[in-house]
């Protein structure tokens, strides 16, 4: 198993939240990211590698975003880990 983490930007939150998890591969990690119920903005990371950035629409559909590190919630200081 490999270690991945999500960075979740929740509506109204001051800073993003980090959630660590294990998955067999990129595909399984992406599937887990799609099932996230909280957060409007989500980033999926494996170590220093950003796999995907996406946002959830009002209709509960995901929109994939460019991997621009300046716009990433994780570019903000103090991304805290949720355990």
N, C-alpha and C. Protein backbone atom coordinates (compact mmCIF):
# COMPACT_ATOMS: atom_id res chain seq x y z
N UNK A 1 0.85 -1.19 0.00
CA UNK A 1 0.00 0.00 0.00
C UNK A 1 0.88 1.24 0.00
N UNK A 2 0.39 2.25 -0.66
CA UNK A 2 1.12 3.52 -0.73
C UNK A 2 0.37 4.57 0.10
N UNK A 3 1.09 5.58 0.54
CA UNK A 3 0.51 6.63 1.38
C UNK A 3 0.16 7.84 0.51
N UNK A 4 -1.09 8.27 0.62
CA UNK A 4 -1.60 9.44 -0.08
C UNK A 4 -2.19 10.38 0.96
N UNK A 5 -2.47 11.60 0.54
CA UNK A 5 -3.24 12.48 1.42
C UNK A 5 -4.09 13.43 0.60
N UNK A 6 -5.18 13.84 1.22
CA UNK A 6 -6.09 14.82 0.63
C UNK A 6 -5.91 16.13 1.37
N UNK A 7 -5.99 17.22 0.65
CA UNK A 7 -6.06 18.54 1.26
C UNK A 7 -7.45 19.06 0.93
N UNK A 8 -8.25 19.28 1.98
CA UNK A 8 -9.65 19.68 1.82
C UNK A 8 -9.82 21.14 2.20
N UNK A 9 -10.41 21.91 1.29
CA UNK A 9 -10.76 23.29 1.60
C UNK A 9 -12.26 23.32 1.84
N UNK A 10 -12.63 23.47 3.10
CA UNK A 10 -14.04 23.48 3.45
C UNK A 10 -14.58 24.89 3.42
N UNK A 11 -15.82 25.03 3.00
CA UNK A 11 -16.45 26.34 2.93
C UNK A 11 -16.46 26.98 4.31
N UNK A 12 -15.99 28.20 4.38
CA UNK A 12 -15.97 28.94 5.63
C UNK A 12 -14.78 28.65 6.54
N UNK A 13 -13.95 27.69 6.17
CA UNK A 13 -12.80 27.34 7.00
C UNK A 13 -11.65 28.32 6.74
N UNK A 14 -10.91 28.63 7.79
CA UNK A 14 -9.76 29.53 7.66
C UNK A 14 -8.64 28.92 6.84
N UNK A 15 -8.41 27.64 7.05
CA UNK A 15 -7.31 26.97 6.36
C UNK A 15 -7.73 25.55 6.00
N UNK A 16 -7.05 24.96 5.04
CA UNK A 16 -7.41 23.61 4.61
C UNK A 16 -7.05 22.55 5.66
N UNK A 17 -7.66 21.40 5.51
CA UNK A 17 -7.45 20.26 6.40
C UNK A 17 -6.79 19.13 5.60
N UNK A 18 -5.88 18.41 6.23
CA UNK A 18 -5.19 17.30 5.57
C UNK A 18 -5.69 15.98 6.13
N UNK A 19 -5.96 15.03 5.22
CA UNK A 19 -6.40 13.69 5.60
C UNK A 19 -5.48 12.68 4.93
N UNK A 20 -4.75 11.90 5.73
CA UNK A 20 -3.84 10.88 5.22
C UNK A 20 -4.58 9.54 5.08
N UNK A 21 -4.22 8.76 4.05
CA UNK A 21 -4.82 7.44 3.87
C UNK A 21 -3.91 6.58 3.00
N UNK A 22 -4.17 5.29 2.98
CA UNK A 22 -3.41 4.33 2.17
C UNK A 22 -4.27 3.85 1.00
N UNK A 23 -3.62 3.61 -0.12
CA UNK A 23 -4.29 3.05 -1.29
C UNK A 23 -3.27 2.22 -2.08
N UNK A 24 -3.77 1.30 -2.87
CA UNK A 24 -2.90 0.41 -3.64
C UNK A 24 -2.21 1.14 -4.79
N UNK A 25 -2.91 2.12 -5.40
CA UNK A 25 -2.35 2.82 -6.55
C UNK A 25 -3.05 4.16 -6.74
N UNK A 26 -2.63 4.91 -7.77
CA UNK A 26 -3.21 6.22 -8.05
C UNK A 26 -4.72 6.13 -8.29
N UNK A 27 -5.13 5.12 -9.05
CA UNK A 27 -6.55 4.98 -9.38
C UNK A 27 -7.40 4.80 -8.12
N UNK A 28 -6.98 3.90 -7.24
CA UNK A 28 -7.73 3.67 -6.01
C UNK A 28 -7.75 4.94 -5.15
N UNK A 29 -6.64 5.65 -5.10
CA UNK A 29 -6.59 6.90 -4.33
C UNK A 29 -7.55 7.93 -4.92
N UNK A 30 -7.60 8.02 -6.25
CA UNK A 30 -8.52 8.94 -6.91
C UNK A 30 -9.97 8.58 -6.60
N UNK A 31 -10.29 7.29 -6.61
CA UNK A 31 -11.65 6.86 -6.28
C UNK A 31 -12.02 7.26 -4.85
N UNK A 32 -11.08 7.13 -3.93
CA UNK A 32 -11.35 7.54 -2.55
C UNK A 32 -11.56 9.05 -2.48
N UNK A 33 -10.79 9.80 -3.25
CA UNK A 33 -10.94 11.26 -3.26
C UNK A 33 -12.32 11.65 -3.78
N UNK A 34 -12.83 10.94 -4.77
CA UNK A 34 -14.16 11.24 -5.32
C UNK A 34 -15.27 11.01 -4.30
N UNK A 35 -15.03 10.16 -3.32
CA UNK A 35 -16.04 9.85 -2.32
C UNK A 35 -16.03 10.79 -1.13
N UNK A 36 -15.17 11.78 -1.15
CA UNK A 36 -15.10 12.74 -0.04
C UNK A 36 -16.41 13.51 0.03
N UNK A 37 -16.99 13.56 1.20
CA UNK A 37 -18.27 14.24 1.38
C UNK A 37 -18.10 15.69 1.83
N UNK A 38 -16.98 15.97 2.48
CA UNK A 38 -16.80 17.33 2.97
C UNK A 38 -15.78 18.06 2.11
N UNK A 39 -15.86 19.36 2.15
CA UNK A 39 -14.89 20.17 1.41
C UNK A 39 -15.38 20.51 0.02
N UNK A 40 -15.15 21.74 -0.37
CA UNK A 40 -15.51 22.18 -1.72
C UNK A 40 -14.34 22.00 -2.67
N UNK A 41 -13.13 22.20 -2.17
CA UNK A 41 -11.93 22.02 -2.97
C UNK A 41 -11.11 20.87 -2.42
N UNK A 42 -10.62 20.02 -3.30
CA UNK A 42 -9.85 18.85 -2.86
C UNK A 42 -8.59 18.73 -3.73
N UNK A 43 -7.49 18.42 -3.08
CA UNK A 43 -6.26 18.07 -3.77
C UNK A 43 -5.87 16.67 -3.33
N UNK A 44 -5.40 15.88 -4.26
CA UNK A 44 -4.90 14.53 -3.97
C UNK A 44 -3.40 14.52 -4.20
N UNK A 45 -2.66 14.12 -3.16
CA UNK A 45 -1.20 14.11 -3.18
C UNK A 45 -0.67 12.73 -2.84
N UNK A 46 0.48 12.40 -3.43
CA UNK A 46 1.29 11.28 -2.98
C UNK A 46 2.67 11.87 -2.71
N UNK A 47 2.99 12.05 -1.45
CA UNK A 47 4.24 12.71 -1.09
C UNK A 47 4.27 14.13 -1.63
N UNK A 48 5.29 14.44 -2.42
CA UNK A 48 5.43 15.77 -3.02
C UNK A 48 4.74 15.89 -4.37
N UNK A 49 4.11 14.82 -4.82
CA UNK A 49 3.50 14.78 -6.15
C UNK A 49 2.01 15.07 -6.08
N UNK A 50 1.60 16.18 -6.69
CA UNK A 50 0.19 16.53 -6.78
C UNK A 50 -0.43 15.73 -7.92
N UNK A 51 -1.44 14.92 -7.59
CA UNK A 51 -2.08 14.07 -8.60
C UNK A 51 -3.25 14.78 -9.27
N UNK A 52 -4.07 15.46 -8.47
CA UNK A 52 -5.25 16.12 -9.04
C UNK A 52 -5.76 17.20 -8.08
N UNK A 53 -6.32 18.23 -8.67
CA UNK A 53 -7.07 19.26 -7.94
C UNK A 53 -8.47 19.25 -8.52
N UNK A 54 -9.47 19.38 -7.66
CA UNK A 54 -10.84 19.39 -8.15
C UNK A 54 -11.75 20.12 -7.17
N UNK A 55 -12.89 20.56 -7.66
CA UNK A 55 -13.90 21.20 -6.83
C UNK A 55 -15.23 20.50 -7.05
N UNK A 56 -16.08 20.58 -6.04
CA UNK A 56 -17.41 19.97 -6.11
C UNK A 56 -18.43 21.06 -6.42
N UNK A 57 -19.29 20.80 -7.39
CA UNK A 57 -20.33 21.76 -7.77
C UNK A 57 -21.55 21.60 -6.87
N UNK A 58 -22.48 22.50 -7.05
CA UNK A 58 -23.74 22.44 -6.31
C UNK A 58 -24.47 21.14 -6.59
N UNK A 59 -24.35 20.64 -7.81
CA UNK A 59 -25.02 19.39 -8.22
C UNK A 59 -24.26 18.15 -7.77
N UNK A 60 -23.24 18.35 -6.91
CA UNK A 60 -22.42 17.26 -6.38
C UNK A 60 -21.59 16.58 -7.48
N UNK A 61 -21.23 17.35 -8.50
CA UNK A 61 -20.35 16.86 -9.56
C UNK A 61 -18.96 17.44 -9.34
N UNK A 62 -17.93 16.66 -9.69
CA UNK A 62 -16.55 17.11 -9.52
C UNK A 62 -16.05 17.74 -10.81
N UNK A 63 -15.32 18.84 -10.67
CA UNK A 63 -14.67 19.51 -11.80
C UNK A 63 -13.17 19.45 -11.58
N UNK A 64 -12.44 18.88 -12.54
CA UNK A 64 -10.98 18.81 -12.45
C UNK A 64 -10.39 20.17 -12.79
N UNK A 65 -9.36 20.56 -12.05
CA UNK A 65 -8.73 21.87 -12.21
C UNK A 65 -7.28 21.71 -12.65
N UNK A 66 -6.70 22.77 -13.23
CA UNK A 66 -5.27 22.71 -13.56
C UNK A 66 -4.44 22.56 -12.29
N UNK A 67 -3.28 21.98 -12.43
CA UNK A 67 -2.41 21.76 -11.27
C UNK A 67 -1.51 22.98 -11.07
N UNK A 68 -2.11 24.12 -10.79
CA UNK A 68 -1.39 25.37 -10.56
C UNK A 68 -1.06 25.49 -9.08
N UNK A 69 0.21 25.37 -8.70
CA UNK A 69 0.56 25.39 -7.27
C UNK A 69 0.23 26.69 -6.57
N UNK A 70 0.14 27.80 -7.31
CA UNK A 70 -0.18 29.08 -6.68
C UNK A 70 -1.62 29.08 -6.19
N UNK A 71 -2.51 28.41 -6.91
CA UNK A 71 -3.92 28.40 -6.55
C UNK A 71 -4.29 27.26 -5.61
N UNK A 72 -3.35 26.40 -5.29
CA UNK A 72 -3.63 25.25 -4.44
C UNK A 72 -3.89 25.66 -3.00
N UNK A 73 -4.91 25.09 -2.35
CA UNK A 73 -5.10 25.34 -0.93
C UNK A 73 -3.88 24.96 -0.12
N UNK A 74 -3.15 23.94 -0.55
CA UNK A 74 -1.98 23.51 0.21
C UNK A 74 -0.83 24.50 0.11
N UNK A 75 -0.91 25.45 -0.81
CA UNK A 75 0.12 26.48 -0.90
C UNK A 75 -0.01 27.46 0.25
N UNK A 76 -1.14 27.39 0.93
CA UNK A 76 -1.36 28.25 2.09
C UNK A 76 -0.56 27.70 3.26
N UNK A 77 -0.09 28.56 4.14
CA UNK A 77 0.65 28.07 5.31
C UNK A 77 -0.25 27.30 6.27
N UNK A 78 0.32 26.42 7.02
CA UNK A 78 -0.35 25.72 8.12
C UNK A 78 -1.46 24.79 7.69
N UNK A 79 -1.21 23.94 6.71
CA UNK A 79 -2.17 22.89 6.38
C UNK A 79 -2.07 21.86 7.50
N UNK A 80 -3.17 21.67 8.23
CA UNK A 80 -3.14 20.79 9.40
C UNK A 80 -3.56 19.38 9.04
N UNK A 81 -2.98 18.43 9.70
CA UNK A 81 -3.30 17.02 9.46
C UNK A 81 -4.45 16.59 10.34
N UNK A 82 -5.43 15.92 9.74
CA UNK A 82 -6.55 15.34 10.49
C UNK A 82 -6.21 13.90 10.79
N UNK A 83 -6.45 13.48 11.97
CA UNK A 83 -6.14 12.10 12.34
C UNK A 83 -7.38 11.41 12.82
